[in-house]
Amino acid sequence: KEILLNDEKLFKSLNLKLPFMADLSKKLSYYNLVNTLEL
């Protein structure tokens, strides 16, 4: 799961919603608030 949940494009291409925590983790990483996927 840790590998797939870092692939946001894959989920979008399959019309699957990225889980909330994975999406939040990626957004917070843009602001350097987290540096790894946190679920």
Full PDB file with SEQRES, HELIX, SHEET, SSBOND, CRYST1, ORIGX, SCALE, CONECT and MASTER records, all heavy atoms in Angstrom:
SEQRES   1 A   39  LYS GLU ILE LEU LEU ASN ASP GLU LYS LEU PHE LYS SER          
SEQRES   2 A   39  LEU ASN LEU LYS LEU PRO PHE MET ALA ASP LEU SER LYS          
SEQRES   3 A   39  LYS LEU SER TYR TYR ASN LEU VAL ASN THR LEU GLU LEU          
HELIX    1 AA1 LEU A    4  ASN A    6  5                                   3    
HELIX    2 AA2 GLU A    8  SER A   13  1                                   6    
HELIX    3 AA3 PHE A   20  TYR A   30  1                                  11    
CRYST1    1.000    1.000    1.000  90.00  90.00  90.00 P 1           1          
ORIGX1      1.000000  0.000000  0.000000        0.00000                         
ORIGX2      0.000000  1.000000  0.000000        0.00000                         
ORIGX3      0.000000  0.000000  1.000000        0.00000                         
SCALE1      1.000000  0.000000  0.000000        0.00000                         
SCALE2      0.000000  1.000000  0.000000        0.00000                         
SCALE3      0.000000  0.000000  1.000000        0.00000                         
ATOM      1  N   LYS A   1       0.818  -1.216   0.000  1.00  0.00           N  
ATOM      2  CA  LYS A   1       0.000   0.000   0.000  1.00  0.00           C  
ATOM      3  C   LYS A   1       0.850   1.264   0.000  1.00  0.00           C  
ATOM      4  O   LYS A   1       0.487   2.265  -0.622  1.00  0.00           O  
ATOM      5  CB  LYS A   1      -0.953   0.002   1.198  1.00  0.00           C  
ATOM      6  CG  LYS A   1      -0.286   0.203   2.541  1.00  0.00           C  
ATOM      7  CD  LYS A   1      -1.288   0.243   3.671  1.00  0.00           C  
ATOM      8  CE  LYS A   1      -0.560   0.403   5.009  1.00  0.00           C  
ATOM      9  NZ  LYS A   1      -1.472   0.285   6.139  1.00  0.00           N  
ATOM     10  N   GLU A   2       1.995   1.244   0.698  1.00  0.00           N  
ATOM     11  CA  GLU A   2       2.828   2.449   0.785  1.00  0.00           C  
ATOM     12  C   GLU A   2       3.325   2.889  -0.587  1.00  0.00           C  
ATOM     13  O   GLU A   2       3.473   4.086  -0.852  1.00  0.00           O  
ATOM     14  CB  GLU A   2       4.022   2.212   1.713  1.00  0.00           C  
ATOM     15  CG  GLU A   2       3.685   2.081   3.180  1.00  0.00           C  
ATOM     16  CD  GLU A   2       3.202   0.690   3.572  1.00  0.00           C  
ATOM     17  OE1 GLU A   2       3.215  -0.209   2.697  1.00  0.00           O  
ATOM     18  OE2 GLU A   2       2.811   0.509   4.734  1.00  0.00           O  
ATOM     19  N   ILE A   3       3.557   1.931  -1.459  1.00  0.00           N  
ATOM     20  CA  ILE A   3       4.020   2.252  -2.811  1.00  0.00           C  
ATOM     21  C   ILE A   3       2.871   2.819  -3.648  1.00  0.00           C  
ATOM     22  O   ILE A   3       3.004   3.860  -4.299  1.00  0.00           O  
ATOM     23  CB  ILE A   3       4.627   1.010  -3.491  1.00  0.00           C  
ATOM     24  CG1 ILE A   3       5.894   0.580  -2.745  1.00  0.00           C  
ATOM     25  CG2 ILE A   3       4.927   1.268  -4.959  1.00  0.00           C  
ATOM     26  CD1 ILE A   3       6.501  -0.711  -3.238  1.00  0.00           C  
ATOM     27  N   LEU A   4       1.717   2.150  -3.604  1.00  0.00           N  
ATOM     28  CA  LEU A   4       0.588   2.584  -4.435  1.00  0.00           C  
ATOM     29  C   LEU A   4       0.007   3.920  -3.990  1.00  0.00           C  
ATOM     30  O   LEU A   4      -0.403   4.739  -4.823  1.00  0.00           O  
ATOM     31  CB  LEU A   4      -0.511   1.524  -4.420  1.00  0.00           C  
ATOM     32  CG  LEU A   4      -0.330   0.321  -5.330  1.00  0.00           C  
ATOM     33  CD1 LEU A   4      -1.589  -0.507  -5.359  1.00  0.00           C  
ATOM     34  CD2 LEU A   4       0.035   0.749  -6.739  1.00  0.00           C  
ATOM     35  N   LEU A   5      -0.035   4.156  -2.677  1.00  0.00           N  
ATOM     36  CA  LEU A   5      -0.658   5.381  -2.194  1.00  0.00           C  
ATOM     37  C   LEU A   5       0.177   6.623  -2.457  1.00  0.00           C  
ATOM     38  O   LEU A   5      -0.266   7.741  -2.232  1.00  0.00           O  
ATOM     39  CB  LEU A   5      -0.983   5.249  -0.700  1.00  0.00           C  
ATOM     40  CG  LEU A   5      -2.082   4.238  -0.377  1.00  0.00           C  
ATOM     41  CD1 LEU A   5      -2.330   4.162   1.120  1.00  0.00           C  
ATOM     42  CD2 LEU A   5      -3.380   4.574  -1.112  1.00  0.00           C  
ATOM     43  N   ASN A   6       1.379   6.431  -2.934  1.00  0.00           N  
ATOM     44  CA  ASN A   6       2.196   7.554  -3.382  1.00  0.00           C  
ATOM     45  C   ASN A   6       1.977   7.859  -4.855  1.00  0.00           C  
ATOM     46  O   ASN A   6       2.540   8.820  -5.386  1.00  0.00           O  
ATOM     47  CB  ASN A   6       3.682   7.268  -3.131  1.00  0.00           C  
ATOM     48  CG  ASN A   6       4.101   7.645  -1.726  1.00  0.00           C  
ATOM     49  OD1 ASN A   6       3.921   8.777  -1.300  1.00  0.00           O  
ATOM     50  ND2 ASN A   6       4.631   6.680  -0.990  1.00  0.00           N  
ATOM     51  N   ASP A   7       1.149   7.026  -5.526  1.00  0.00           N  
ATOM     52  CA  ASP A   7       0.909   7.193  -6.959  1.00  0.00           C  
ATOM     53  C   ASP A   7      -0.481   7.782  -7.181  1.00  0.00           C  
ATOM     54  O   ASP A   7      -1.431   7.089  -7.549  1.00  0.00           O  
ATOM     55  CB  ASP A   7       1.052   5.840  -7.662  1.00  0.00           C  
ATOM     56  CG  ASP A   7       1.129   5.962  -9.179  1.00  0.00           C  
ATOM     57  OD1 ASP A   7       0.803   7.054  -9.691  1.00  0.00           O  
ATOM     58  OD2 ASP A   7       1.517   4.979  -9.828  1.00  0.00           O  
ATOM     59  N   GLU A   8      -0.596   9.070  -6.948  1.00  0.00           N  
ATOM     60  CA  GLU A   8      -1.883   9.757  -7.077  1.00  0.00           C  
ATOM     61  C   GLU A   8      -2.423   9.694  -8.503  1.00  0.00           C  
ATOM     62  O   GLU A   8      -3.628   9.549  -8.728  1.00  0.00           O  
ATOM     63  CB  GLU A   8      -1.731  11.213  -6.640  1.00  0.00           C  
ATOM     64  CG  GLU A   8      -3.021  11.996  -6.602  1.00  0.00           C  
ATOM     65  CD  GLU A   8      -2.821  13.402  -6.076  1.00  0.00           C  
ATOM     66  OE1 GLU A   8      -1.663  13.791  -5.822  1.00  0.00           O  
ATOM     67  OE2 GLU A   8      -3.833  14.116  -5.932  1.00  0.00           O  
ATOM     68  N   LYS A   9      -1.530   9.756  -9.488  1.00  0.00           N  
ATOM     69  CA  LYS A   9      -1.951   9.723 -10.889  1.00  0.00           C  
ATOM     70  C   LYS A   9      -2.632   8.407 -11.246  1.00  0.00           C  
ATOM     71  O   LYS A   9      -3.572   8.380 -12.039  1.00  0.00           O  
ATOM     72  CB  LYS A   9      -0.745   9.960 -11.798  1.00  0.00           C  
ATOM     73  CG  LYS A   9      -0.200  11.380 -11.757  1.00  0.00           C  
ATOM     74  CD  LYS A   9       0.961  11.565 -12.723  1.00  0.00           C  
ATOM     75  CE  LYS A   9       1.483  12.986 -12.679  1.00  0.00           C  
ATOM     76  NZ  LYS A   9       2.639  13.177 -13.603  1.00  0.00           N  
ATOM     77  N   LEU A  10      -2.149   7.301 -10.669  1.00  0.00           N  
ATOM     78  CA  LEU A  10      -2.751   6.002 -10.942  1.00  0.00           C  
ATOM     79  C   LEU A  10      -4.200   5.973 -10.475  1.00  0.00           C  
ATOM     80  O   LEU A  10      -5.089   5.534 -11.218  1.00  0.00           O  
ATOM     81  CB  LEU A  10      -1.955   4.889 -10.249  1.00  0.00           C  
ATOM     82  CG  LEU A  10      -2.568   3.487 -10.319  1.00  0.00           C  
ATOM     83  CD1 LEU A  10      -2.610   2.992 -11.758  1.00  0.00           C  
ATOM     84  CD2 LEU A  10      -1.798   2.517  -9.443  1.00  0.00           C  
ATOM     85  N   PHE A  11      -4.450   6.452  -9.272  1.00  0.00           N  
ATOM     86  CA  PHE A  11      -5.816   6.470  -8.746  1.00  0.00           C  
ATOM     87  C   PHE A  11      -6.721   7.337  -9.619  1.00  0.00           C  
ATOM     88  O   PHE A  11      -7.855   6.947  -9.930  1.00  0.00           O  
ATOM     89  CB  PHE A  11      -5.813   6.972  -7.297  1.00  0.00           C  
ATOM     90  CG  PHE A  11      -5.522   5.901  -6.283  1.00  0.00           C  
ATOM     91  CD1 PHE A  11      -4.232   5.425  -6.113  1.00  0.00           C  
ATOM     92  CD2 PHE A  11      -6.537   5.360  -5.505  1.00  0.00           C  
ATOM     93  CE1 PHE A  11      -3.951   4.431  -5.188  1.00  0.00           C  
ATOM     94  CE2 PHE A  11      -6.274   4.369  -4.588  1.00  0.00           C  
ATOM     95  CZ  PHE A  11      -4.981   3.901  -4.422  1.00  0.00           C  
ATOM     96  N   LYS A  12      -6.234   8.490 -10.013  1.00  0.00           N  
ATOM     97  CA  LYS A  12      -7.049   9.377 -10.844  1.00  0.00           C  
ATOM     98  C   LYS A  12      -7.344   8.755 -12.201  1.00  0.00           C  
ATOM     99  O   LYS A  12      -8.454   8.880 -12.732  1.00  0.00           O  
ATOM    100  CB  LYS A  12      -6.333  10.716 -11.023  1.00  0.00           C  
ATOM    101  CG  LYS A  12      -6.377  11.601  -9.789  1.00  0.00           C  
ATOM    102  CD  LYS A  12      -5.752  12.966 -10.071  1.00  0.00           C  
ATOM    103  CE  LYS A  12      -5.884  13.878  -8.862  1.00  0.00           C  
ATOM    104  NZ  LYS A  12      -5.286  15.208  -9.092  1.00  0.00           N  
ATOM    105  N   SER A  13      -6.361   8.065 -12.780  1.00  0.00           N  
ATOM    106  CA  SER A  13      -6.551   7.459 -14.097  1.00  0.00           C  
ATOM    107  C   SER A  13      -7.594   6.352 -14.071  1.00  0.00           C  
ATOM    108  O   SER A  13      -8.203   6.035 -15.094  1.00  0.00           O  
ATOM    109  CB  SER A  13      -5.220   6.903 -14.620  1.00  0.00           C  
ATOM    110  OG  SER A  13      -4.805   5.771 -13.863  1.00  0.00           O  
ATOM    111  N   LEU A  14      -7.811   5.762 -12.903  1.00  0.00           N  
ATOM    112  CA  LEU A  14      -8.784   4.682 -12.762  1.00  0.00           C  
ATOM    113  C   LEU A  14     -10.094   5.163 -12.147  1.00  0.00           C  
ATOM    114  O   LEU A  14     -10.964   4.358 -11.818  1.00  0.00           O  
ATOM    115  CB  LEU A  14      -8.196   3.566 -11.883  1.00  0.00           C  
ATOM    116  CG  LEU A  14      -6.961   2.867 -12.455  1.00  0.00           C  
ATOM    117  CD1 LEU A  14      -6.338   1.955 -11.412  1.00  0.00           C  
ATOM    118  CD2 LEU A  14      -7.327   2.076 -13.701  1.00  0.00           C  
ATOM    119  N   ASN A  15     -10.222   6.483 -12.012  1.00  0.00           N  
ATOM    120  CA  ASN A  15     -11.411   7.080 -11.392  1.00  0.00           C  
ATOM    121  C   ASN A  15     -11.637   6.558  -9.981  1.00  0.00           C  
ATOM    122  O   ASN A  15     -12.779   6.355  -9.537  1.00  0.00           O  
ATOM    123  CB  ASN A  15     -12.660   6.829 -12.253  1.00  0.00           C  
ATOM    124  CG  ASN A  15     -12.597   7.542 -13.582  1.00  0.00           C  
ATOM    125  OD1 ASN A  15     -12.199   8.704 -13.649  1.00  0.00           O  
ATOM    126  ND2 ASN A  15     -12.969   6.856 -14.648  1.00  0.00           N  
ATOM    127  N   LEU A  16     -10.532   6.346  -9.266  1.00  0.00           N  
ATOM    128  CA  LEU A  16     -10.587   5.929  -7.871  1.00  0.00           C  
ATOM    129  C   LEU A  16     -10.128   7.094  -7.006  1.00  0.00           C  
ATOM    130  O   LEU A  16      -9.177   7.800  -7.344  1.00  0.00           O  
ATOM    131  CB  LEU A  16      -9.683   4.717  -7.629  1.00  0.00           C  
ATOM    132  CG  LEU A  16     -10.077   3.421  -8.332  1.00  0.00           C  
ATOM    133  CD1 LEU A  16      -9.004   2.359  -8.119  1.00  0.00           C  
ATOM    134  CD2 LEU A  16     -11.423   2.909  -7.834  1.00  0.00           C  
ATOM    135  N   LYS A  17     -10.815   7.262  -5.888  1.00  0.00           N  
ATOM    136  CA  LYS A  17     -10.488   8.369  -4.991  1.00  0.00           C  
ATOM    137  C   LYS A  17      -9.330   7.984  -4.080  1.00  0.00           C  
ATOM    138  O   LYS A  17      -9.350   6.934  -3.446  1.00  0.00           O  
ATOM    139  CB  LYS A  17     -11.713   8.729  -4.158  1.00  0.00           C  
ATOM    140  CG  LYS A  17     -11.527   9.953  -3.269  1.00  0.00           C  
ATOM    141  CD  LYS A  17     -12.808  10.234  -2.508  1.00  0.00           C  
ATOM    142  CE  LYS A  17     -12.627  11.437  -1.575  1.00  0.00           C  
ATOM    143  NZ  LYS A  17     -13.867  11.699  -0.791  1.00  0.00           N  
ATOM    144  N   LEU A  18      -8.314   8.839  -4.028  1.00  0.00           N  
ATOM    145  CA  LEU A  18      -7.203   8.612  -3.114  1.00  0.00           C  
ATOM    146  C   LEU A  18      -7.731   8.736  -1.683  1.00  0.00           C  
ATOM    147  O   LEU A  18      -8.471   9.675  -1.370  1.00  0.00           O  
ATOM    148  CB  LEU A  18      -6.106   9.647  -3.358  1.00  0.00           C  
ATOM    149  CG  LEU A  18      -4.725   9.360  -2.760  1.00  0.00           C  
ATOM    150  CD1 LEU A  18      -4.089   8.151  -3.447  1.00  0.00           C  
ATOM    151  CD2 LEU A  18      -3.815  10.577  -2.885  1.00  0.00           C  
ATOM    152  N   PRO A  19      -7.389   7.784  -0.791  1.00  0.00           N  
ATOM    153  CA  PRO A  19      -7.874   7.868   0.595  1.00  0.00           C  
ATOM    154  C   PRO A  19      -7.532   9.211   1.237  1.00  0.00           C  
ATOM    155  O   PRO A  19      -6.497   9.809   0.948  1.00  0.00           O  
ATOM    156  CB  PRO A  19      -7.135   6.716   1.289  1.00  0.00           C  
ATOM    157  CG  PRO A  19      -6.844   5.744   0.210  1.00  0.00           C  
ATOM    158  CD  PRO A  19      -6.583   6.579  -1.019  1.00  0.00           C  
ATOM    159  N   PHE A  20      -8.403   9.664   2.119  1.00  0.00           N  
ATOM    160  CA  PHE A  20      -8.272  10.990   2.729  1.00  0.00           C  
ATOM    161  C   PHE A  20      -6.899  11.199   3.359  1.00  0.00           C  
ATOM    162  O   PHE A  20      -6.256  12.233   3.147  1.00  0.00           O  
ATOM    163  CB  PHE A  20      -9.363  11.192   3.781  1.00  0.00           C  
ATOM    164  CG  PHE A  20      -9.185  12.442   4.599  1.00  0.00           C  
ATOM    165  CD1 PHE A  20      -9.528  13.683   4.075  1.00  0.00           C  
ATOM    166  CD2 PHE A  20      -8.654  12.375   5.891  1.00  0.00           C  
ATOM    167  CE1 PHE A  20      -9.346  14.838   4.825  1.00  0.00           C  
ATOM    168  CE2 PHE A  20      -8.463  13.530   6.636  1.00  0.00           C  
ATOM    169  CZ  PHE A  20      -8.822  14.764   6.110  1.00  0.00           C  
ATOM    170  N   MET A  21      -6.424  10.229   4.156  1.00  0.00           N  
ATOM    171  CA  MET A  21      -5.161  10.401   4.857  1.00  0.00           C  
ATOM    172  C   MET A  21      -3.986  10.457   3.888  1.00  0.00           C  
ATOM    173  O   MET A  21      -3.024  11.197   4.098  1.00  0.00           O  
ATOM    174  CB  MET A  21      -4.962   9.281   5.878  1.00  0.00           C  
ATOM    175  CG  MET A  21      -5.833   9.398   7.119  1.00  0.00           C  
ATOM    176  SD  MET A  21      -5.636  10.964   7.994  1.00  0.00           S  
ATOM    177  CE  MET A  21      -3.884  10.910   8.398  1.00  0.00           C  
ATOM    178  N   ALA A  22      -4.044   9.673   2.816  1.00  0.00           N  
ATOM    179  CA  ALA A  22      -2.979   9.709   1.813  1.00  0.00           C  
ATOM    180  C   ALA A  22      -2.978  11.059   1.099  1.00  0.00           C  
ATOM    181  O   ALA A  22      -1.919  11.657   0.862  1.00  0.00           O  
ATOM    182  CB  ALA A  22      -3.149   8.576   0.812  1.00  0.00           C  
ATOM    183  N   ASP A  23      -4.166  11.550   0.770  1.00  0.00           N  
ATOM    184  CA  ASP A  23      -4.284  12.849   0.100  1.00  0.00           C  
ATOM    185  C   ASP A  23      -3.802  13.977   1.013  1.00  0.00           C  
ATOM    186  O   ASP A  23      -3.050  14.870   0.590  1.00  0.00           O  
ATOM    187  CB  ASP A  23      -5.743  13.076  -0.297  1.00  0.00           C  
ATOM    188  CG  ASP A  23      -5.944  14.335  -1.118  1.00  0.00           C  
ATOM    189  OD1 ASP A  23      -5.179  14.541  -2.076  1.00  0.00           O  
ATOM    190  OD2 ASP A  23      -6.849  15.116  -0.785  1.00  0.00           O  
ATOM    191  N   LEU A  24      -4.213  13.936   2.289  1.00  0.00           N  
ATOM    192  CA  LEU A  24      -3.798  14.954   3.251  1.00  0.00           C  
ATOM    193  C   LEU A  24      -2.285  14.917   3.458  1.00  0.00           C  
ATOM    194  O   LEU A  24      -1.623  15.967   3.514  1.00  0.00           O  
ATOM    195  CB  LEU A  24      -4.512  14.734   4.586  1.00  0.00           C  
ATOM    196  CG  LEU A  24      -4.168  15.700   5.723  1.00  0.00           C  
ATOM    197  CD1 LEU A  24      -4.524  17.135   5.335  1.00  0.00           C  
ATOM    198  CD2 LEU A  24      -4.886  15.292   7.005  1.00  0.00           C  
ATOM    199  N   SER A  25      -1.748  13.715   3.550  1.00  0.00           N  
ATOM    200  CA  SER A  25      -0.307  13.551   3.752  1.00  0.00           C  
ATOM    201  C   SER A  25       0.475  14.176   2.598  1.00  0.00           C  
ATOM    202  O   SER A  25       1.483  14.869   2.803  1.00  0.00           O  
ATOM    203  CB  SER A  25       0.036  12.064   3.894  1.00  0.00           C  
ATOM    204  OG  SER A  25       1.379  11.883   4.228  1.00  0.00           O  
ATOM    205  N   LYS A  26       0.001  13.961   1.370  1.00  0.00           N  
ATOM    206  CA  LYS A  26       0.698  14.517   0.204  1.00  0.00           C  
ATOM    207  C   LYS A  26       0.612  16.044   0.204  1.00  0.00           C  
ATOM    208  O   LYS A  26       1.591  16.736  -0.110  1.00  0.00           O  
ATOM    209  CB  LYS A  26       0.100  13.942  -1.088  1.00  0.00           C  
ATOM    210  CG  LYS A  26       0.398  12.470  -1.305  1.00  0.00           C  
ATOM    211  CD  LYS A  26      -0.199  11.963  -2.606  1.00  0.00           C  
ATOM    212  CE  LYS A  26       0.586  12.471  -3.793  1.00  0.00           C  
ATOM    213  NZ  LYS A  26       1.946  11.914  -3.838  1.00  0.00           N  
ATOM    214  N   LYS A  27      -0.548  16.588   0.564  1.00  0.00           N  
ATOM    215  CA  LYS A  27      -0.710  18.037   0.587  1.00  0.00           C  
ATOM    216  C   LYS A  27       0.177  18.677   1.648  1.00  0.00           C  
ATOM    217  O   LYS A  27       0.796  19.726   1.417  1.00  0.00           O  
ATOM    218  CB  LYS A  27      -2.182  18.394   0.815  1.00  0.00           C  
ATOM    219  CG  LYS A  27      -3.061  18.109  -0.399  1.00  0.00           C  
ATOM    220  CD  LYS A  27      -4.521  18.370  -0.122  1.00  0.00           C  
ATOM    221  CE  LYS A  27      -5.367  18.081  -1.367  1.00  0.00           C  
ATOM    222  NZ  LYS A  27      -6.816  18.229  -1.097  1.00  0.00           N  
ATOM    223  N   LEU A  28       0.255  18.048   2.814  1.00  0.00           N  
ATOM    224  CA  LEU A  28       1.083  18.595   3.897  1.00  0.00           C  
ATOM    225  C   LEU A  28       2.566  18.491   3.579  1.00  0.00           C  
ATOM    226  O   LEU A  28       3.375  19.300   4.065  1.00  0.00           O  
ATOM    227  CB  LEU A  28       0.769  17.875   5.208  1.00  0.00           C  
ATOM    228  CG  LEU A  28      -0.615  18.150   5.800  1.00  0.00           C  
ATOM    229  CD1 LEU A  28      -0.820  17.322   7.065  1.00  0.00           C  
ATOM    230  CD2 LEU A  28      -0.806  19.630   6.108  1.00  0.00           C  
ATOM    231  N   SER A  29       2.910  17.509   2.735  1.00  0.00           N  
ATOM    232  CA  SER A  29       4.323  17.372   2.364  1.00  0.00           C  
ATOM    233  C   SER A  29       4.793  18.554   1.516  1.00  0.00           C  
ATOM    234  O   SER A  29       5.979  18.896   1.522  1.00  0.00           O  
ATOM    235  CB  SER A  29       4.548  16.054   1.608  1.00  0.00           C  
ATOM    236  OG  SER A  29       3.949  16.089   0.325  1.00  0.00           O  
ATOM    237  N   TYR A  30       3.847  19.197   0.789  1.00  0.00           N  
ATOM    238  CA  TYR A  30       4.208  20.368  -0.005  1.00  0.00           C  
ATOM    239  C   TYR A  30       4.705  21.518   0.885  1.00  0.00           C  
ATOM    240  O   TYR A  30       5.491  22.359   0.453  1.00  0.00           O  
ATOM    241  CB  TYR A  30       2.999  20.860  -0.817  1.00  0.00           C  
ATOM    242  CG  TYR A  30       2.488  19.878  -1.844  1.00  0.00           C  
ATOM    243  CD1 TYR A  30       1.138  19.830  -2.178  1.00  0.00           C  
ATOM    244  CD2 TYR A  30       3.348  18.987  -2.486  1.00  0.00           C  
ATOM    245  CE1 TYR A  30       0.657  18.927  -3.124  1.00  0.00           C  
ATOM    246  CE2 TYR A  30       2.872  18.089  -3.431  1.00  0.00           C  
ATOM    247  CZ  TYR A  30       1.533  18.060  -3.746  1.00  0.00           C  
ATOM    248  OH  TYR A  30       1.052  17.169  -4.679  1.00  0.00           O  
ATOM    249  N   TYR A  31       4.214  21.527   2.131  1.00  0.00           N  
ATOM    250  CA  TYR A  31       4.604  22.579   3.074  1.00  0.00           C  
ATOM    251  C   TYR A  31       5.660  22.095   4.068  1.00  0.00           C  
ATOM    252  O   TYR A  31       5.928  22.765   5.072  1.00  0.00           O  
ATOM    253  CB  TYR A  31       3.369  23.072   3.832  1.00  0.00           C  
ATOM    254  CG  TYR A  31       2.293  23.630   2.926  1.00  0.00           C  
ATOM    255  CD1 TYR A  31       1.218  22.853   2.525  1.00  0.00           C  
ATOM    256  CD2 TYR A  31       2.363  24.939   2.464  1.00  0.00           C  
ATOM    257  CE1 TYR A  31       0.233  23.353   1.684  1.00  0.00           C  
ATOM    258  CE2 TYR A  31       1.378  25.460   1.620  1.00  0.00           C  
ATOM    259  CZ  TYR A  31       0.323  24.655   1.237  1.00  0.00           C  
ATOM    260  OH  TYR A  31      -0.642  25.171   0.392  1.00  0.00           O  
ATOM    261  N   ASN A  32       6.222  20.918   3.751  1.00  0.00           N  
ATOM    262  CA  ASN A  32       7.268  20.319   4.592  1.00  0.00           C  
ATOM    263  C   ASN A  32       6.809  20.065   6.031  1.00  0.00           C  
ATOM    264  O   ASN A  32       7.621  20.074   6.964  1.00  0.00           O  
ATOM    265  CB  ASN A  32       8.518  21.213   4.609  1.00  0.00           C  
ATOM    266  CG  ASN A  32       9.168  21.312   3.246  1.00  0.00           C  
ATOM    267  OD1 ASN A  32       9.276  20.311   2.535  1.00  0.00           O  
ATOM    268  ND2 ASN A  32       9.589  22.511   2.869  1.00  0.00           N  
ATOM    269  N   LEU A  33       5.503  19.842   6.192  1.00  0.00           N  
ATOM    270  CA  LEU A  33       4.981  19.527   7.524  1.00  0.00           C  
ATOM    271  C   LEU A  33       5.127  18.043   7.839  1.00  0.00           C  
ATOM    272  O   LEU A  33       5.229  17.653   8.995  1.00  0.00           O  
ATOM    273  CB  LEU A  33       3.513  19.945   7.620  1.00  0.00           C  
ATOM    274  CG  LEU A  33       3.283  21.462   7.570  1.00  0.00           C  
ATOM    275  CD1 LEU A  33       1.799  21.781   7.485  1.00  0.00           C  
ATOM    276  CD2 LEU A  33       3.898  22.128   8.792  1.00  0.00           C  
ATOM    277  N   VAL A  34       5.092  17.218   6.796  1.00  0.00           N  
ATOM    278  CA  VAL A  34       5.428  15.794   6.927  1.00  0.00           C  
ATOM    279  C   VAL A  34       6.334  15.448   5.758  1.00  0.00           C  
ATOM    280  O   VAL A  34       6.226  16.042   4.682  1.00  0.00           O  
ATOM    281  CB  VAL A  34       4.174  14.881   6.933  1.00  0.00           C  
ATOM    282  CG1 VAL A  34       3.300  15.135   8.144  1.00  0.00           C  
ATOM    283  CG2 VAL A  34       3.367  15.060   5.654  1.00  0.00           C  
ATOM    284  N   ASN A  35       7.233  14.515   5.971  1.00  0.00           N  
ATOM    285  CA  ASN A  35       8.158  14.168   4.881  1.00  0.00           C  
ATOM    286  C   ASN A  35       8.003  12.735   4.395  1.00  0.00           C  
ATOM    287  O   ASN A  35       8.726  12.287   3.524  1.00  0.00           O  
ATOM    288  CB  ASN A  35       9.614  14.428   5.297  1.00  0.00           C  
ATOM    289  CG  ASN A  35       9.961  13.739   6.610  1.00  0.00           C  
ATOM    290  OD1 ASN A  35       9.261  12.822   7.029  1.00  0.00           O  
ATOM    291  ND2 ASN A  35      11.019  14.193   7.254  1.00  0.00           N  
ATOM    292  N   THR A  36       7.044  11.987   4.997  1.00  0.00           N  
ATOM    293  CA  THR A  36       6.757  10.628   4.549  1.00  0.00           C  
ATOM    294  C   THR A  36       5.242  10.435   4.513  1.00  0.00           C  
ATOM    295  O   THR A  36       4.494  11.208   5.136  1.00  0.00           O  
ATOM    296  CB  THR A  36       7.368   9.571   5.492  1.00  0.00           C  
ATOM    297  OG1 THR A  36       6.860   9.773   6.822  1.00  0.00           O  
ATOM    298  CG2 THR A  36       8.887   9.651   5.492  1.00  0.00           C  
ATOM    299  N   LEU A  37       4.802   9.415   3.797  1.00  0.00           N  
ATOM    300  CA  LEU A  37       3.373   9.100   3.752  1.00  0.00           C  
ATOM    301  C   LEU A  37       2.904   8.703   5.148  1.00  0.00           C  
ATOM    302  O   LEU A  37       3.430   7.770   5.743  1.00  0.00           O  
ATOM    303  CB  LEU A  37       3.128   7.952   2.767  1.00  0.00           C  
ATOM    304  CG  LEU A  37       1.672   7.520   2.567  1.00  0.00           C  
ATOM    305  CD1 LEU A  37       0.888   8.609   1.846  1.00  0.00           C  
ATOM    306  CD2 LEU A  37       1.605   6.218   1.778  1.00  0.00           C  
ATOM    307  N   GLU A  38       1.927   9.418   5.677  1.00  0.00           N  
ATOM    308  CA  GLU A  38       1.420   9.134   7.014  1.00  0.00           C  
ATOM    309  C   GLU A  38      -0.080   8.847   6.931  1.00  0.00           C  
ATOM    310  O   GLU A  38      -0.848   9.694   6.489  1.00  0.00           O  
ATOM    311  CB  GLU A  38       1.672  10.322   7.943  1.00  0.00           C  
ATOM    312  CG  GLU A  38       1.246  10.073   9.372  1.00  0.00           C  
ATOM    313  CD  GLU A  38       1.842   8.801   9.939  1.00  0.00           C  
ATOM    314  OE1 GLU A  38       3.060   8.775  10.196  1.00  0.00           O  
ATOM    315  OE2 GLU A  38       1.068   7.830  10.106  1.00  0.00           O  
ATOM    316  N   LEU A  39      -0.478   7.630   7.350  1.00  0.00           N  
ATOM    317  CA  LEU A  39      -1.859   7.199   7.180  1.00  0.00           C  
ATOM    318  C   LEU A  39      -2.645   7.149   8.478  1.00  0.00           C  
ATOM    319  O   LEU A  39      -3.813   6.791   8.484  1.00  0.00           O  
ATOM    320  CB  LEU A  39      -1.892   5.817   6.503  1.00  0.00           C  
ATOM    321  CG  LEU A  39      -1.219   5.749   5.131  1.00  0.00           C  
ATOM    322  CD1 LEU A  39      -1.213   4.315   4.611  1.00  0.00           C  
ATOM    323  CD2 LEU A  39      -1.897   6.680   4.133  1.00  0.00           C  
TER     324      LEU A  39                                                      
MASTER        0    0    0    3    0    0    0    6  323    1    0    3          
END                                                                             
